[in-house]
N, C-alpha and C. Protein backbone atom coordinates (compact mmCIF):
# COMPACT_ATOMS: atom_id res chain seq x y z
N MET A 1 0.84 -1.19 0.00
CA MET A 1 0.00 0.00 0.00
C MET A 1 0.88 1.25 0.00
N PHE A 2 0.35 2.28 -0.58
CA PHE A 2 1.00 3.57 -0.65
C PHE A 2 0.09 4.57 0.06
N SER A 3 0.65 5.70 0.49
CA SER A 3 -0.21 6.72 1.09
C SER A 3 0.32 8.11 0.76
N SER A 4 -0.59 9.06 0.74
CA SER A 4 -0.28 10.46 0.47
C SER A 4 -1.26 11.33 1.24
N THR A 5 -0.87 12.59 1.47
CA THR A 5 -1.77 13.54 2.11
C THR A 5 -2.42 14.38 1.02
N LEU A 6 -3.75 14.48 1.09
CA LEU A 6 -4.54 15.22 0.11
C LEU A 6 -5.41 16.24 0.80
N GLN A 7 -5.59 17.37 0.18
CA GLN A 7 -6.59 18.33 0.61
C GLN A 7 -7.70 18.30 -0.44
N ILE A 8 -8.88 17.83 -0.04
CA ILE A 8 -10.00 17.76 -0.96
C ILE A 8 -10.73 19.09 -0.94
N LEU A 9 -10.88 19.68 -2.13
CA LEU A 9 -11.50 20.99 -2.27
C LEU A 9 -12.96 20.90 -2.70
N LEU A 10 -13.29 19.87 -3.50
CA LEU A 10 -14.63 19.75 -4.08
C LEU A 10 -14.87 18.29 -4.42
N VAL A 11 -16.08 17.80 -4.15
CA VAL A 11 -16.47 16.45 -4.52
C VAL A 11 -17.59 16.55 -5.54
N GLU A 12 -17.44 15.87 -6.68
CA GLU A 12 -18.42 15.94 -7.76
C GLU A 12 -18.90 14.54 -8.14
N SER A 13 -20.16 14.46 -8.54
CA SER A 13 -20.72 13.24 -9.11
C SER A 13 -21.12 13.57 -10.54
N LYS A 14 -20.66 12.73 -11.47
CA LYS A 14 -20.95 12.97 -12.88
C LYS A 14 -21.58 11.72 -13.48
N ASP A 15 -22.60 11.92 -14.33
CA ASP A 15 -23.17 10.80 -15.06
C ASP A 15 -22.21 10.38 -16.16
N THR A 16 -22.09 9.07 -16.37
CA THR A 16 -21.27 8.55 -17.46
C THR A 16 -22.18 8.20 -18.63
N LYS A 17 -21.59 7.80 -19.74
CA LYS A 17 -22.38 7.37 -20.89
C LYS A 17 -22.84 5.92 -20.76
N VAL A 18 -22.30 5.22 -19.77
CA VAL A 18 -22.63 3.81 -19.57
C VAL A 18 -23.92 3.71 -18.76
N MET A 19 -24.86 2.92 -19.25
CA MET A 19 -26.14 2.74 -18.57
C MET A 19 -26.04 1.58 -17.57
N ASP A 20 -26.63 1.77 -16.40
CA ASP A 20 -26.70 0.72 -15.40
C ASP A 20 -27.81 -0.23 -15.81
N PRO A 21 -27.49 -1.52 -16.04
CA PRO A 21 -28.53 -2.45 -16.51
C PRO A 21 -29.65 -2.68 -15.49
N GLU A 22 -29.36 -2.47 -14.21
CA GLU A 22 -30.38 -2.69 -13.17
C GLU A 22 -31.38 -1.54 -13.09
N THR A 23 -30.91 -0.30 -13.29
CA THR A 23 -31.79 0.86 -13.13
C THR A 23 -32.17 1.50 -14.45
N GLY A 24 -31.39 1.24 -15.50
CA GLY A 24 -31.63 1.88 -16.79
C GLY A 24 -31.18 3.33 -16.83
N LYS A 25 -30.52 3.78 -15.78
CA LYS A 25 -30.02 5.16 -15.70
C LYS A 25 -28.52 5.16 -15.91
N PRO A 26 -27.96 6.33 -16.28
CA PRO A 26 -26.50 6.40 -16.44
C PRO A 26 -25.78 6.13 -15.12
N ARG A 27 -24.67 5.42 -15.20
CA ARG A 27 -23.85 5.20 -14.00
C ARG A 27 -23.19 6.52 -13.62
N GLN A 28 -22.86 6.64 -12.34
CA GLN A 28 -22.20 7.86 -11.88
C GLN A 28 -20.74 7.59 -11.57
N ARG A 29 -19.93 8.61 -11.83
CA ARG A 29 -18.52 8.58 -11.47
C ARG A 29 -18.33 9.67 -10.42
N HIS A 30 -17.63 9.35 -9.37
CA HIS A 30 -17.40 10.30 -8.28
C HIS A 30 -15.94 10.72 -8.31
N GLU A 31 -15.73 12.03 -8.32
CA GLU A 31 -14.38 12.58 -8.37
C GLU A 31 -14.20 13.65 -7.30
N ALA A 32 -12.98 13.74 -6.81
CA ALA A 32 -12.62 14.80 -5.86
C ALA A 32 -11.54 15.66 -6.51
N ARG A 33 -11.73 16.96 -6.45
CA ARG A 33 -10.69 17.89 -6.90
C ARG A 33 -9.80 18.13 -5.68
N CYS A 34 -8.51 17.86 -5.85
CA CYS A 34 -7.60 17.80 -4.71
C CYS A 34 -6.30 18.56 -4.94
N ILE A 35 -5.68 18.87 -3.81
CA ILE A 35 -4.29 19.33 -3.80
C ILE A 35 -3.49 18.20 -3.17
N LEU A 36 -2.49 17.70 -3.90
CA LEU A 36 -1.57 16.71 -3.34
C LEU A 36 -0.54 17.47 -2.53
N LEU A 37 -0.42 17.11 -1.25
CA LEU A 37 0.51 17.80 -0.35
C LEU A 37 1.78 16.98 -0.17
N ALA A 38 2.89 17.66 0.10
CA ALA A 38 4.16 17.00 0.39
C ALA A 38 4.02 16.21 1.69
N ASP A 39 5.01 15.40 1.99
CA ASP A 39 4.96 14.56 3.19
C ASP A 39 4.79 15.36 4.48
N ASP A 40 5.18 16.65 4.47
CA ASP A 40 5.01 17.47 5.67
C ASP A 40 3.53 17.84 5.89
N GLY A 41 2.67 17.56 4.88
CA GLY A 41 1.23 17.81 5.01
C GLY A 41 0.83 19.26 4.81
N THR A 42 1.77 20.15 4.46
CA THR A 42 1.42 21.55 4.31
C THR A 42 1.83 22.15 2.97
N THR A 43 2.87 21.61 2.35
CA THR A 43 3.39 22.18 1.12
C THR A 43 2.69 21.57 -0.10
N PRO A 44 1.98 22.40 -0.90
CA PRO A 44 1.32 21.88 -2.10
C PRO A 44 2.34 21.37 -3.12
N VAL A 45 2.05 20.23 -3.73
CA VAL A 45 2.91 19.65 -4.76
C VAL A 45 2.26 19.84 -6.13
N THR A 46 0.99 19.48 -6.24
CA THR A 46 0.26 19.62 -7.50
C THR A 46 -1.24 19.53 -7.23
N VAL A 47 -2.04 19.82 -8.24
CA VAL A 47 -3.49 19.71 -8.11
C VAL A 47 -4.01 18.75 -9.18
N GLY A 48 -5.17 18.17 -8.94
CA GLY A 48 -5.74 17.26 -9.92
C GLY A 48 -7.04 16.67 -9.43
N ARG A 49 -7.55 15.70 -10.21
CA ARG A 49 -8.78 14.99 -9.88
C ARG A 49 -8.45 13.59 -9.41
N LEU A 50 -9.25 13.09 -8.51
CA LEU A 50 -9.08 11.74 -7.98
C LEU A 50 -10.41 11.03 -8.04
N ARG A 51 -10.45 9.88 -8.70
CA ARG A 51 -11.68 9.09 -8.74
C ARG A 51 -11.89 8.43 -7.38
N ILE A 52 -13.12 8.49 -6.92
CA ILE A 52 -13.46 7.94 -5.62
C ILE A 52 -14.31 6.69 -5.80
N PRO A 53 -13.88 5.54 -5.27
CA PRO A 53 -14.70 4.33 -5.39
C PRO A 53 -15.98 4.44 -4.56
N LYS A 54 -17.00 3.68 -4.95
CA LYS A 54 -18.30 3.72 -4.26
C LYS A 54 -18.16 3.50 -2.77
N ALA A 55 -17.27 2.61 -2.37
CA ALA A 55 -17.11 2.27 -0.95
C ALA A 55 -16.65 3.46 -0.11
N LEU A 56 -16.08 4.50 -0.73
CA LEU A 56 -15.54 5.64 0.02
C LEU A 56 -16.34 6.93 -0.16
N ILE A 57 -17.45 6.87 -0.87
CA ILE A 57 -18.22 8.09 -1.16
C ILE A 57 -18.62 8.81 0.13
N ASP A 58 -19.06 8.08 1.14
CA ASP A 58 -19.50 8.71 2.39
C ASP A 58 -18.35 9.33 3.17
N LYS A 59 -17.14 8.83 3.00
CA LYS A 59 -15.96 9.37 3.70
C LYS A 59 -15.38 10.58 2.99
N CYS A 60 -15.65 10.72 1.72
CA CYS A 60 -15.02 11.75 0.89
C CYS A 60 -15.74 13.09 1.06
N LYS A 61 -15.14 13.96 1.83
CA LYS A 61 -15.69 15.29 2.12
C LYS A 61 -14.58 16.32 1.92
N VAL A 62 -14.95 17.59 1.91
CA VAL A 62 -13.95 18.66 1.86
C VAL A 62 -13.13 18.60 3.14
N GLY A 63 -11.80 18.63 3.00
CA GLY A 63 -10.92 18.58 4.15
C GLY A 63 -9.58 17.97 3.77
N THR A 64 -8.76 17.70 4.78
CA THR A 64 -7.43 17.13 4.57
C THR A 64 -7.43 15.69 5.06
N PHE A 65 -6.88 14.80 4.23
CA PHE A 65 -6.93 13.37 4.50
C PHE A 65 -5.60 12.71 4.20
N ARG A 66 -5.34 11.63 4.90
CA ARG A 66 -4.26 10.71 4.53
C ARG A 66 -4.96 9.64 3.70
N ALA A 67 -4.60 9.55 2.43
CA ALA A 67 -5.22 8.60 1.52
C ALA A 67 -4.29 7.41 1.31
N THR A 68 -4.84 6.21 1.40
CA THR A 68 -4.06 5.02 1.08
C THR A 68 -4.50 4.52 -0.29
N PHE A 69 -3.54 3.95 -1.02
CA PHE A 69 -3.76 3.50 -2.39
C PHE A 69 -3.25 2.08 -2.56
N ALA A 70 -3.84 1.37 -3.50
CA ALA A 70 -3.35 0.07 -3.92
C ALA A 70 -3.30 0.06 -5.45
N LEU A 71 -2.42 -0.74 -6.01
CA LEU A 71 -2.36 -0.89 -7.46
C LEU A 71 -3.37 -1.94 -7.88
N VAL A 72 -4.21 -1.60 -8.87
CA VAL A 72 -5.25 -2.51 -9.36
C VAL A 72 -5.26 -2.49 -10.89
N VAL A 73 -5.92 -3.48 -11.48
CA VAL A 73 -6.12 -3.53 -12.93
C VAL A 73 -7.62 -3.58 -13.17
N PRO A 74 -8.23 -2.43 -13.56
CA PRO A 74 -9.66 -2.40 -13.82
C PRO A 74 -10.03 -3.30 -14.99
N ASP A 75 -11.23 -3.88 -14.92
CA ASP A 75 -11.71 -4.71 -16.02
C ASP A 75 -12.79 -4.01 -16.83
N PHE A 76 -12.87 -2.67 -16.69
CA PHE A 76 -13.85 -1.87 -17.43
C PHE A 76 -13.35 -0.44 -17.54
N GLY A 77 -14.01 0.36 -18.37
CA GLY A 77 -13.74 1.79 -18.45
C GLY A 77 -12.49 2.15 -19.22
N ASP A 78 -12.15 3.43 -19.14
CA ASP A 78 -11.01 3.98 -19.88
C ASP A 78 -9.68 3.32 -19.52
N ASN A 79 -9.57 2.85 -18.28
CA ASN A 79 -8.30 2.28 -17.81
C ASN A 79 -8.28 0.75 -17.84
N LYS A 80 -9.23 0.14 -18.57
CA LYS A 80 -9.32 -1.32 -18.63
C LYS A 80 -7.96 -1.90 -19.04
N GLY A 81 -7.46 -2.82 -18.21
CA GLY A 81 -6.20 -3.49 -18.51
C GLY A 81 -4.96 -2.74 -18.07
N ASP A 82 -5.10 -1.48 -17.65
CA ASP A 82 -3.95 -0.70 -17.18
C ASP A 82 -3.75 -0.91 -15.68
N ILE A 83 -2.52 -0.86 -15.23
CA ILE A 83 -2.25 -0.86 -13.80
C ILE A 83 -2.40 0.58 -13.32
N VAL A 84 -3.32 0.81 -12.38
CA VAL A 84 -3.58 2.16 -11.88
C VAL A 84 -3.65 2.13 -10.35
N ALA A 85 -3.40 3.28 -9.74
CA ALA A 85 -3.56 3.41 -8.30
C ALA A 85 -5.02 3.71 -7.99
N GLN A 86 -5.57 3.03 -7.00
CA GLN A 86 -6.96 3.26 -6.58
C GLN A 86 -6.97 3.56 -5.09
N VAL A 87 -7.74 4.57 -4.70
CA VAL A 87 -7.87 4.93 -3.29
C VAL A 87 -8.55 3.78 -2.55
N THR A 88 -7.97 3.36 -1.42
CA THR A 88 -8.56 2.29 -0.62
C THR A 88 -9.10 2.79 0.71
N ASP A 89 -8.62 3.97 1.17
CA ASP A 89 -9.14 4.52 2.42
C ASP A 89 -8.78 6.00 2.51
N LEU A 90 -9.60 6.73 3.26
CA LEU A 90 -9.37 8.15 3.54
C LEU A 90 -9.48 8.35 5.05
N THR A 91 -8.41 8.87 5.65
CA THR A 91 -8.40 9.13 7.09
C THR A 91 -8.20 10.63 7.31
N PRO A 92 -9.16 11.29 7.98
CA PRO A 92 -9.02 12.73 8.22
C PRO A 92 -7.78 13.04 9.06
N VAL A 93 -7.11 14.15 8.73
CA VAL A 93 -5.94 14.59 9.50
C VAL A 93 -6.05 16.09 9.76
N GLY A 94 -5.28 16.56 10.72
CA GLY A 94 -5.24 18.00 11.00
C GLY A 94 -6.29 18.42 12.01
N ALA A 95 -6.37 19.75 12.19
CA ALA A 95 -7.29 20.33 13.16
C ALA A 95 -8.73 19.96 12.82
N GLY A 96 -9.46 19.53 13.83
CA GLY A 96 -10.87 19.20 13.64
C GLY A 96 -11.10 17.89 12.92
N ALA A 97 -10.04 17.07 12.75
CA ALA A 97 -10.20 15.80 12.05
C ALA A 97 -11.09 14.87 12.85
N ARG A 98 -12.00 14.25 12.12
CA ARG A 98 -12.84 13.23 12.75
C ARG A 98 -13.25 12.24 11.67
N ALA A 99 -13.28 10.99 12.06
CA ALA A 99 -13.66 9.95 11.10
C ALA A 99 -15.14 10.05 10.78
N VAL A 100 -15.48 9.76 9.54
CA VAL A 100 -16.87 9.74 9.11
C VAL A 100 -17.36 8.31 9.17
N GLN A 101 -18.45 8.08 9.87
CA GLN A 101 -19.01 6.74 9.98
C GLN A 101 -19.75 6.39 8.70
N PRO A 102 -19.48 5.18 8.14
CA PRO A 102 -20.20 4.81 6.92
C PRO A 102 -21.69 4.62 7.19
N LYS A 103 -22.51 4.92 6.18
CA LYS A 103 -23.95 4.74 6.31
C LYS A 103 -24.28 3.25 6.30
N ALA A 104 -25.32 2.87 7.03
CA ALA A 104 -25.76 1.50 7.04
C ALA A 104 -26.35 1.14 5.68
N ALA A 105 -26.06 -0.06 5.23
CA ALA A 105 -26.54 -0.49 3.91
C ALA A 105 -27.98 -0.91 3.95
């Protein structure tokens, strides 16, 4: 596993062109607009978008987090067959940090 400190500025949900066979509606992609911070947690390194997996949607809020990543090979979408980093957990850090409890299924 790998980890980095991120400051999440905005969380967006976007409809994709792929239809969900169960609902007949477009599938959604969840992205966070982030600042990647240096290991000191304060110095900005770069900005970008981060795809958020369904399992972490409730944890993904505006704030600063320690994000853990794993390397995976998606079997669908634009990255099908590519080795990519995927977020596996988000832990709040800094002043006022508190864990977000997942919603009951």
